[in-house]
Amino acid sequence: MPTAIFPGTFDPITNGHVELITRAAPLFQRLIIGVAASPSKKTLFSLEERVLLAAEAIKHLPNVEAIGYTNLMAEFASQQGATMLVRGVRTTYDFEYERQLAEMNRHLKADLDTIFLMPSPETGFISSSIVREVALHKGEVSGLVPKHVEQQLLKKVNSK
């Protein structure tokens, strides 16, 4: 069974991410949650915080670990011995964007394939950016993120 990476910024990790990770975990010997530094994005949480939040969210999955990275995904995949990427797609817009990324990653690393998973209807509407926006406006985020993430998110937005 191959090693796969579920890459993302995870700012923060959501219940939608956790659902997809939980479904993907049995498909691979090892599944890495690749937490991207994403220097072009203004993240709410630091890379280190995002890795810790992700690690806590997936600790119930023995073959899954969270690792931060600062280089290209294809380079990170080579370093980790991964030949598969796992991506969630909620909409046709997501698919078009993800298809372009998959083609670029395969261009950079010929043996790197991408599989797409669709979220359940219960989590398909959740995105990190929407969760951040709701939290910044003092809206209810319980049920959208794991409990430990909710606590850290509220602490972070209340300190702003």
N, C-alpha and C. Protein backbone atom coordinates (compact mmCIF):
# COMPACT_ATOMS: atom_id res chain seq x y z
N MET A 1 0.85 -1.18 0.00
CA MET A 1 0.00 0.00 0.00
C MET A 1 0.89 1.24 0.00
N PRO A 2 0.54 2.23 -0.80
CA PRO A 2 1.38 3.42 -0.93
C PRO A 2 1.25 4.38 0.25
N THR A 3 2.19 5.30 0.28
CA THR A 3 2.12 6.43 1.20
C THR A 3 1.46 7.58 0.44
N ALA A 4 0.55 8.27 1.12
CA ALA A 4 -0.16 9.39 0.49
C ALA A 4 -0.05 10.62 1.38
N ILE A 5 -0.27 11.76 0.74
CA ILE A 5 -0.29 13.04 1.45
C ILE A 5 -1.63 13.71 1.20
N PHE A 6 -2.23 14.20 2.28
CA PHE A 6 -3.42 15.05 2.19
C PHE A 6 -2.92 16.46 2.49
N PRO A 7 -2.62 17.25 1.43
CA PRO A 7 -2.02 18.57 1.65
C PRO A 7 -3.07 19.66 1.84
N GLY A 8 -2.68 20.70 2.53
CA GLY A 8 -3.56 21.85 2.70
C GLY A 8 -2.92 22.86 3.63
N THR A 9 -3.58 23.99 3.75
CA THR A 9 -3.13 25.02 4.68
C THR A 9 -3.68 24.75 6.08
N PHE A 10 -4.89 24.22 6.15
CA PHE A 10 -5.52 23.84 7.42
C PHE A 10 -5.48 24.99 8.42
N ASP A 11 -6.09 26.12 8.01
CA ASP A 11 -6.08 27.33 8.84
C ASP A 11 -7.49 27.74 9.23
N PRO A 12 -8.15 26.96 10.10
CA PRO A 12 -7.71 25.78 10.82
C PRO A 12 -8.24 24.50 10.16
N ILE A 13 -7.81 23.35 10.70
CA ILE A 13 -8.38 22.07 10.28
C ILE A 13 -9.85 22.06 10.70
N THR A 14 -10.71 21.53 9.84
CA THR A 14 -12.15 21.53 10.09
C THR A 14 -12.67 20.10 10.21
N ASN A 15 -13.93 19.98 10.59
CA ASN A 15 -14.56 18.66 10.62
C ASN A 15 -14.68 18.08 9.22
N GLY A 16 -14.75 18.94 8.21
CA GLY A 16 -14.74 18.45 6.83
C GLY A 16 -13.41 17.79 6.49
N HIS A 17 -12.31 18.41 6.88
CA HIS A 17 -10.99 17.80 6.68
C HIS A 17 -10.91 16.46 7.41
N VAL A 18 -11.32 16.46 8.68
CA VAL A 18 -11.20 15.25 9.50
C VAL A 18 -12.03 14.12 8.90
N GLU A 19 -13.21 14.45 8.39
CA GLU A 19 -14.04 13.42 7.76
C GLU A 19 -13.32 12.80 6.57
N LEU A 20 -12.77 13.62 5.69
CA LEU A 20 -12.06 13.10 4.51
C LEU A 20 -10.82 12.32 4.91
N ILE A 21 -10.07 12.81 5.88
CA ILE A 21 -8.87 12.11 6.35
C ILE A 21 -9.24 10.75 6.92
N THR A 22 -10.30 10.70 7.71
CA THR A 22 -10.75 9.45 8.31
C THR A 22 -11.15 8.45 7.23
N ARG A 23 -11.80 8.91 6.18
CA ARG A 23 -12.19 8.02 5.08
C ARG A 23 -10.99 7.59 4.25
N ALA A 24 -9.99 8.46 4.11
CA ALA A 24 -8.82 8.13 3.29
C ALA A 24 -7.83 7.23 4.02
N ALA A 25 -7.75 7.33 5.33
CA ALA A 25 -6.73 6.61 6.11
C ALA A 25 -6.65 5.11 5.81
N PRO A 26 -7.77 4.39 5.72
CA PRO A 26 -7.67 2.94 5.47
C PRO A 26 -7.17 2.57 4.07
N LEU A 27 -7.12 3.53 3.18
CA LEU A 27 -6.69 3.27 1.81
C LEU A 27 -5.18 3.22 1.66
N PHE A 28 -4.46 3.67 2.68
CA PHE A 28 -3.01 3.81 2.57
C PHE A 28 -2.30 3.23 3.78
N GLN A 29 -1.07 2.79 3.55
CA GLN A 29 -0.24 2.32 4.65
C GLN A 29 0.07 3.49 5.58
N ARG A 30 0.36 4.62 4.98
CA ARG A 30 0.71 5.83 5.73
C ARG A 30 0.05 7.02 5.04
N LEU A 31 -0.61 7.86 5.82
CA LEU A 31 -1.23 9.07 5.30
C LEU A 31 -0.66 10.25 6.07
N ILE A 32 -0.06 11.17 5.33
CA ILE A 32 0.55 12.35 5.93
C ILE A 32 -0.37 13.55 5.70
N ILE A 33 -0.68 14.25 6.77
CA ILE A 33 -1.39 15.51 6.63
C ILE A 33 -0.30 16.54 6.41
N GLY A 34 -0.13 16.97 5.17
CA GLY A 34 0.91 17.93 4.81
C GLY A 34 0.40 19.34 5.03
N VAL A 35 0.87 19.96 6.09
CA VAL A 35 0.42 21.31 6.45
C VAL A 35 1.36 22.31 5.79
N ALA A 36 0.84 23.01 4.79
CA ALA A 36 1.65 23.92 3.98
C ALA A 36 1.90 25.24 4.69
N ALA A 37 3.12 25.73 4.55
CA ALA A 37 3.47 27.04 5.12
C ALA A 37 2.63 28.14 4.46
N SER A 38 2.40 28.03 3.16
CA SER A 38 1.58 28.98 2.40
C SER A 38 1.95 30.44 2.67
N PRO A 39 3.19 30.83 2.33
CA PRO A 39 3.61 32.21 2.61
C PRO A 39 2.80 33.27 1.88
N SER A 40 2.13 32.91 0.79
CA SER A 40 1.32 33.89 0.05
C SER A 40 -0.02 34.16 0.73
N LYS A 41 -0.39 33.30 1.68
CA LYS A 41 -1.65 33.49 2.41
C LYS A 41 -1.36 34.11 3.77
N LYS A 42 -2.26 34.98 4.20
CA LYS A 42 -2.14 35.53 5.55
C LYS A 42 -2.93 34.61 6.48
N THR A 43 -2.22 33.73 7.16
CA THR A 43 -2.88 32.75 8.00
C THR A 43 -3.15 33.29 9.40
N LEU A 44 -4.21 32.79 9.99
CA LEU A 44 -4.56 33.17 11.36
C LEU A 44 -3.64 32.46 12.35
N PHE A 45 -3.35 31.19 12.08
CA PHE A 45 -2.49 30.38 12.93
C PHE A 45 -1.12 30.22 12.27
N SER A 46 -0.08 30.14 13.08
CA SER A 46 1.27 29.89 12.56
C SER A 46 1.34 28.46 12.03
N LEU A 47 2.37 28.17 11.26
CA LEU A 47 2.57 26.81 10.74
C LEU A 47 2.64 25.82 11.90
N GLU A 48 3.39 26.14 12.92
CA GLU A 48 3.54 25.25 14.07
C GLU A 48 2.20 25.00 14.75
N GLU A 49 1.40 26.04 14.92
CA GLU A 49 0.08 25.89 15.53
C GLU A 49 -0.82 25.02 14.67
N ARG A 50 -0.78 25.22 13.37
CA ARG A 50 -1.63 24.43 12.46
C ARG A 50 -1.24 22.96 12.47
N VAL A 51 0.06 22.68 12.55
CA VAL A 51 0.51 21.28 12.63
C VAL A 51 0.01 20.65 13.93
N LEU A 52 0.14 21.35 15.04
CA LEU A 52 -0.31 20.82 16.33
C LEU A 52 -1.82 20.60 16.35
N LEU A 53 -2.59 21.54 15.82
CA LEU A 53 -4.04 21.38 15.77
C LEU A 53 -4.44 20.19 14.91
N ALA A 54 -3.77 20.03 13.77
CA ALA A 54 -4.06 18.90 12.88
C ALA A 54 -3.68 17.58 13.56
N ALA A 55 -2.51 17.54 14.20
CA ALA A 55 -2.06 16.31 14.86
C ALA A 55 -3.05 15.87 15.93
N GLU A 56 -3.56 16.81 16.69
CA GLU A 56 -4.54 16.49 17.73
C GLU A 56 -5.84 15.98 17.11
N ALA A 57 -6.24 16.55 15.99
CA ALA A 57 -7.50 16.16 15.35
C ALA A 57 -7.47 14.75 14.77
N ILE A 58 -6.28 14.25 14.44
CA ILE A 58 -6.18 12.95 13.78
C ILE A 58 -5.47 11.92 14.65
N LYS A 59 -5.31 12.20 15.93
CA LYS A 59 -4.55 11.30 16.80
C LYS A 59 -5.21 9.92 16.95
N HIS A 60 -6.49 9.81 16.65
CA HIS A 60 -7.19 8.53 16.73
C HIS A 60 -6.89 7.62 15.54
N LEU A 61 -6.16 8.11 14.55
CA LEU A 61 -5.85 7.34 13.35
C LEU A 61 -4.37 6.93 13.41
N PRO A 62 -4.08 5.65 13.65
CA PRO A 62 -2.69 5.23 13.90
C PRO A 62 -1.73 5.39 12.73
N ASN A 63 -2.23 5.38 11.51
CA ASN A 63 -1.34 5.47 10.34
C ASN A 63 -1.29 6.88 9.75
N VAL A 64 -1.78 7.86 10.50
CA VAL A 64 -1.85 9.24 10.01
C VAL A 64 -1.01 10.14 10.90
N GLU A 65 -0.24 11.03 10.28
CA GLU A 65 0.55 12.01 11.03
C GLU A 65 0.52 13.35 10.32
N ALA A 66 0.69 14.41 11.08
CA ALA A 66 0.72 15.77 10.53
C ALA A 66 2.16 16.26 10.48
N ILE A 67 2.57 16.78 9.32
CA ILE A 67 3.92 17.30 9.12
C ILE A 67 3.81 18.62 8.37
N GLY A 68 4.49 19.64 8.85
CA GLY A 68 4.55 20.92 8.15
C GLY A 68 5.60 20.88 7.06
N TYR A 69 5.37 21.65 6.00
CA TYR A 69 6.37 21.74 4.93
C TYR A 69 6.38 23.14 4.34
N THR A 70 7.55 23.51 3.79
CA THR A 70 7.72 24.86 3.25
C THR A 70 8.12 24.85 1.78
N ASN A 71 8.30 23.69 1.20
CA ASN A 71 8.73 23.59 -0.20
C ASN A 71 7.55 23.23 -1.10
N LEU A 72 7.83 22.95 -2.36
CA LEU A 72 6.78 22.53 -3.29
C LEU A 72 6.22 21.18 -2.86
N MET A 73 4.94 20.96 -3.12
CA MET A 73 4.30 19.70 -2.76
C MET A 73 5.02 18.52 -3.38
N ALA A 74 5.41 18.62 -4.65
CA ALA A 74 6.09 17.52 -5.32
C ALA A 74 7.41 17.18 -4.63
N GLU A 75 8.13 18.19 -4.18
CA GLU A 75 9.39 17.96 -3.44
C GLU A 75 9.11 17.30 -2.10
N PHE A 76 8.10 17.79 -1.40
CA PHE A 76 7.72 17.21 -0.11
C PHE A 76 7.31 15.75 -0.29
N ALA A 77 6.55 15.46 -1.34
CA ALA A 77 6.14 14.08 -1.62
C ALA A 77 7.36 13.19 -1.84
N SER A 78 8.33 13.67 -2.59
CA SER A 78 9.57 12.90 -2.81
C SER A 78 10.29 12.64 -1.49
N GLN A 79 10.39 13.66 -0.66
CA GLN A 79 11.07 13.52 0.64
C GLN A 79 10.38 12.48 1.52
N GLN A 80 9.05 12.40 1.42
CA GLN A 80 8.27 11.50 2.27
C GLN A 80 8.05 10.13 1.63
N GLY A 81 8.49 9.95 0.39
CA GLY A 81 8.27 8.68 -0.31
C GLY A 81 6.82 8.46 -0.70
N ALA A 82 6.09 9.55 -0.90
CA ALA A 82 4.66 9.47 -1.24
C ALA A 82 4.47 9.46 -2.75
N THR A 83 3.52 8.64 -3.20
CA THR A 83 3.19 8.57 -4.62
C THR A 83 1.75 8.96 -4.90
N MET A 84 1.01 9.32 -3.86
CA MET A 84 -0.39 9.71 -4.02
C MET A 84 -0.68 10.96 -3.21
N LEU A 85 -1.55 11.80 -3.77
CA LEU A 85 -2.11 12.94 -3.04
C LEU A 85 -3.60 12.69 -2.91
N VAL A 86 -4.17 13.11 -1.81
CA VAL A 86 -5.60 13.02 -1.58
C VAL A 86 -6.13 14.44 -1.46
N ARG A 87 -7.16 14.74 -2.22
CA ARG A 87 -7.75 16.08 -2.18
C ARG A 87 -9.27 15.95 -2.10
N GLY A 88 -9.87 16.83 -1.34
CA GLY A 88 -11.32 16.89 -1.27
C GLY A 88 -11.84 17.90 -2.27
N VAL A 89 -12.93 17.56 -2.92
CA VAL A 89 -13.56 18.50 -3.86
C VAL A 89 -15.04 18.62 -3.50
N ARG A 90 -15.46 19.86 -3.25
CA ARG A 90 -16.84 20.14 -2.87
C ARG A 90 -17.69 20.54 -4.05
N THR A 91 -17.07 21.23 -5.01
CA THR A 91 -17.82 21.81 -6.13
C THR A 91 -17.05 21.61 -7.43
N THR A 92 -17.70 21.94 -8.54
CA THR A 92 -17.00 21.87 -9.82
C THR A 92 -15.88 22.91 -9.87
N TYR A 93 -16.06 24.02 -9.19
CA TYR A 93 -14.99 25.03 -9.10
C TYR A 93 -13.77 24.42 -8.41
N ASP A 94 -14.00 23.73 -7.28
CA ASP A 94 -12.89 23.05 -6.59
C ASP A 94 -12.21 22.06 -7.53
N PHE A 95 -13.02 21.29 -8.28
CA PHE A 95 -12.44 20.27 -9.15
C PHE A 95 -11.53 20.89 -10.21
N GLU A 96 -11.97 21.96 -10.84
CA GLU A 96 -11.14 22.59 -11.88
C GLU A 96 -9.81 23.08 -11.31
N TYR A 97 -9.86 23.70 -10.15
CA TYR A 97 -8.65 24.17 -9.49
C TYR A 97 -7.75 22.99 -9.12
N GLU A 98 -8.34 21.97 -8.51
CA GLU A 98 -7.57 20.80 -8.07
C GLU A 98 -7.00 20.02 -9.25
N ARG A 99 -7.73 19.98 -10.36
CA ARG A 99 -7.24 19.30 -11.56
C ARG A 99 -5.97 19.96 -12.06
N GLN A 100 -5.95 21.28 -12.09
CA GLN A 100 -4.74 22.01 -12.50
C GLN A 100 -3.57 21.71 -11.58
N LEU A 101 -3.82 21.70 -10.28
CA LEU A 101 -2.76 21.38 -9.32
C LEU A 101 -2.25 19.96 -9.53
N ALA A 102 -3.17 19.03 -9.76
CA ALA A 102 -2.79 17.63 -9.97
C ALA A 102 -1.90 17.49 -11.20
N GLU A 103 -2.26 18.20 -12.27
CA GLU A 103 -1.46 18.14 -13.49
C GLU A 103 -0.08 18.75 -13.29
N MET A 104 -0.01 19.85 -12.56
CA MET A 104 1.29 20.46 -12.27
C MET A 104 2.14 19.55 -11.40
N ASN A 105 1.53 18.95 -10.38
CA ASN A 105 2.28 18.03 -9.52
C ASN A 105 2.80 16.83 -10.30
N ARG A 106 2.00 16.32 -11.23
CA ARG A 106 2.46 15.19 -12.04
C ARG A 106 3.56 15.64 -13.00
N HIS A 107 3.49 16.87 -13.48
CA HIS A 107 4.55 17.42 -14.32
C HIS A 107 5.87 17.48 -13.54
N LEU A 108 5.79 17.89 -12.28
CA LEU A 108 6.97 18.02 -11.43
C LEU A 108 7.49 16.68 -10.91
N LYS A 109 6.57 15.72 -10.74
CA LYS A 109 6.93 14.39 -10.21
C LYS A 109 6.03 13.38 -10.92
N ALA A 110 6.56 12.73 -11.94
CA ALA A 110 5.77 11.90 -12.85
C ALA A 110 4.98 10.79 -12.16
N ASP A 111 5.47 10.28 -11.05
CA ASP A 111 4.77 9.18 -10.38
C ASP A 111 3.83 9.65 -9.26
N LEU A 112 3.51 10.93 -9.24
CA LEU A 112 2.64 11.48 -8.20
C LEU A 112 1.22 11.63 -8.74
N ASP A 113 0.33 10.74 -8.30
CA ASP A 113 -1.07 10.79 -8.72
C ASP A 113 -1.92 11.44 -7.64
N THR A 114 -3.08 11.92 -8.03
CA THR A 114 -4.01 12.56 -7.10
C THR A 114 -5.34 11.83 -7.16
N ILE A 115 -5.90 11.53 -5.99
CA ILE A 115 -7.25 11.00 -5.94
C ILE A 115 -8.13 12.06 -5.27
N PHE A 116 -9.36 12.12 -5.74
CA PHE A 116 -10.30 13.11 -5.24
C PHE A 116 -11.40 12.41 -4.45
N LEU A 117 -11.72 12.96 -3.30
CA LEU A 117 -12.82 12.47 -2.48
C LEU A 117 -13.85 13.58 -2.34
N MET A 118 -15.10 13.19 -2.40
CA MET A 118 -16.17 14.16 -2.18
C MET A 118 -16.60 14.07 -0.72
N PRO A 119 -16.83 15.21 -0.10
CA PRO A 119 -17.25 15.20 1.31
C PRO A 119 -18.70 14.74 1.44
N SER A 120 -19.07 14.38 2.64
CA SER A 120 -20.47 14.05 2.91
C SER A 120 -21.30 15.33 2.87
N PRO A 121 -22.61 15.20 2.69
CA PRO A 121 -23.46 16.39 2.71
C PRO A 121 -23.38 17.16 4.04
N GLU A 122 -23.08 16.44 5.12
CA GLU A 122 -23.00 17.08 6.44
C GLU A 122 -21.80 18.00 6.57
N THR A 123 -20.73 17.75 5.81
CA THR A 123 -19.53 18.57 5.95
C THR A 123 -19.13 19.29 4.67
N GLY A 124 -19.83 19.05 3.59
CA GLY A 124 -19.44 19.61 2.29
C GLY A 124 -19.47 21.12 2.20
N PHE A 125 -20.16 21.77 3.08
CA PHE A 125 -20.25 23.24 3.05
C PHE A 125 -19.17 23.91 3.89
N ILE A 126 -18.40 23.13 4.64
CA ILE A 126 -17.43 23.70 5.57
C ILE A 126 -16.12 24.01 4.85
N SER A 127 -15.59 25.20 5.08
CA SER A 127 -14.25 25.55 4.60
C SER A 127 -13.56 26.33 5.71
N SER A 128 -12.24 26.26 5.73
CA SER A 128 -11.47 26.99 6.75
C SER A 128 -11.74 28.48 6.68
N SER A 129 -11.83 29.02 5.46
CA SER A 129 -12.03 30.47 5.33
C SER A 129 -13.40 30.88 5.87
N ILE A 130 -14.42 30.08 5.64
CA ILE A 130 -15.75 30.39 6.18
C ILE A 130 -15.73 30.28 7.71
N VAL A 131 -15.08 29.25 8.23
CA VAL A 131 -14.98 29.08 9.68
C VAL A 131 -14.29 30.29 10.31
N ARG A 132 -13.18 30.73 9.72
CA ARG A 132 -12.48 31.91 10.25
C ARG A 132 -13.39 33.13 10.23
N GLU A 133 -14.09 33.33 9.13
CA GLU A 133 -14.97 34.49 9.00
C GLU A 133 -16.08 34.47 10.05
N VAL A 134 -16.70 33.31 10.23
CA VAL A 134 -17.75 33.18 11.24
C VAL A 134 -17.18 33.48 12.63
N ALA A 135 -16.02 32.92 12.94
CA ALA A 135 -15.40 33.13 14.25
C ALA A 135 -15.04 34.60 14.47
N LEU A 136 -14.49 35.25 13.44
CA LEU A 136 -14.12 36.66 13.57
C LEU A 136 -15.33 37.56 13.82
N HIS A 137 -16.52 37.11 13.38
CA HIS A 137 -17.74 37.87 13.60
C HIS A 137 -18.54 37.33 14.79
N LYS A 138 -17.84 36.56 15.64
CA LYS A 138 -18.42 36.05 16.89
C LYS A 138 -19.58 35.08 16.65
N GLY A 139 -19.58 34.42 15.50
CA GLY A 139 -20.60 33.42 15.20
C GLY A 139 -20.25 32.07 15.81
N GLU A 140 -21.19 31.16 15.75
CA GLU A 140 -21.05 29.82 16.34
C GLU A 140 -20.27 28.90 15.40
N VAL A 141 -19.15 28.35 15.89
CA VAL A 141 -18.34 27.44 15.07
C VAL A 141 -18.34 26.01 15.60
N SER A 142 -19.04 25.76 16.71
CA SER A 142 -19.08 24.39 17.21
C SER A 142 -19.79 23.53 16.16
N GLY A 143 -19.29 22.34 15.97
CA GLY A 143 -19.81 21.46 14.94
C GLY A 143 -19.12 21.62 13.60
N LEU A 144 -18.37 22.71 13.44
CA LEU A 144 -17.64 22.95 12.19
C LEU A 144 -16.18 22.52 12.31
N VAL A 145 -15.66 22.56 13.53
CA VAL A 145 -14.26 22.22 13.81
C VAL A 145 -14.21 21.32 15.04
N PRO A 146 -13.13 20.54 15.20
CA PRO A 146 -12.99 19.76 16.43
C PRO A 146 -12.97 20.69 17.65
N LYS A 147 -13.36 20.15 18.79
CA LYS A 147 -13.50 20.96 20.01
C LYS A 147 -12.21 21.70 20.37
N HIS A 148 -11.06 21.02 20.28
CA HIS A 148 -9.79 21.69 20.64
C HIS A 148 -9.47 22.83 19.68
N VAL A 149 -9.89 22.69 18.43
CA VAL A 149 -9.68 23.76 17.44
C VAL A 149 -10.60 24.93 17.76
N GLU A 150 -11.84 24.62 18.11
CA GLU A 150 -12.78 25.68 18.48
C GLU A 150 -12.22 26.52 19.63
N GLN A 151 -11.67 25.86 20.63
CA GLN A 151 -11.12 26.57 21.79
C GLN A 151 -9.97 27.49 21.37
N GLN A 152 -9.06 26.98 20.56
CA GLN A 152 -7.91 27.78 20.11
C GLN A 152 -8.34 28.90 19.16
N LEU A 153 -9.32 28.61 18.33
CA LEU A 153 -9.84 29.61 17.39
C LEU A 153 -10.48 30.77 18.15
N LEU A 154 -11.31 30.45 19.13
CA LEU A 154 -11.96 31.51 19.90
C LEU A 154 -10.94 32.32 20.69
N LYS A 155 -9.94 31.65 21.23
CA LYS A 155 -8.87 32.35 21.95
C LYS A 155 -8.14 33.31 21.00
N LYS A 156 -7.87 32.83 19.79
CA LYS A 156 -7.12 33.63 18.80
C LYS A 156 -7.94 34.85 18.37
N VAL A 157 -9.22 34.66 18.03
CA VAL A 157 -10.01 35.79 17.52
C VAL A 157 -10.39 36.76 18.64
N ASN A 158 -10.51 36.27 19.86
CA ASN A 158 -10.84 37.17 20.97
C ASN A 158 -9.65 38.00 21.41
N SER A 159 -8.44 37.60 21.00
CA SER A 159 -7.25 38.38 21.35
C SER A 159 -6.95 39.46 20.31
N LYS A 160 -7.71 39.49 19.24
CA LYS A 160 -7.50 40.49 18.17
C LYS A 160 -8.24 41.77 18.48
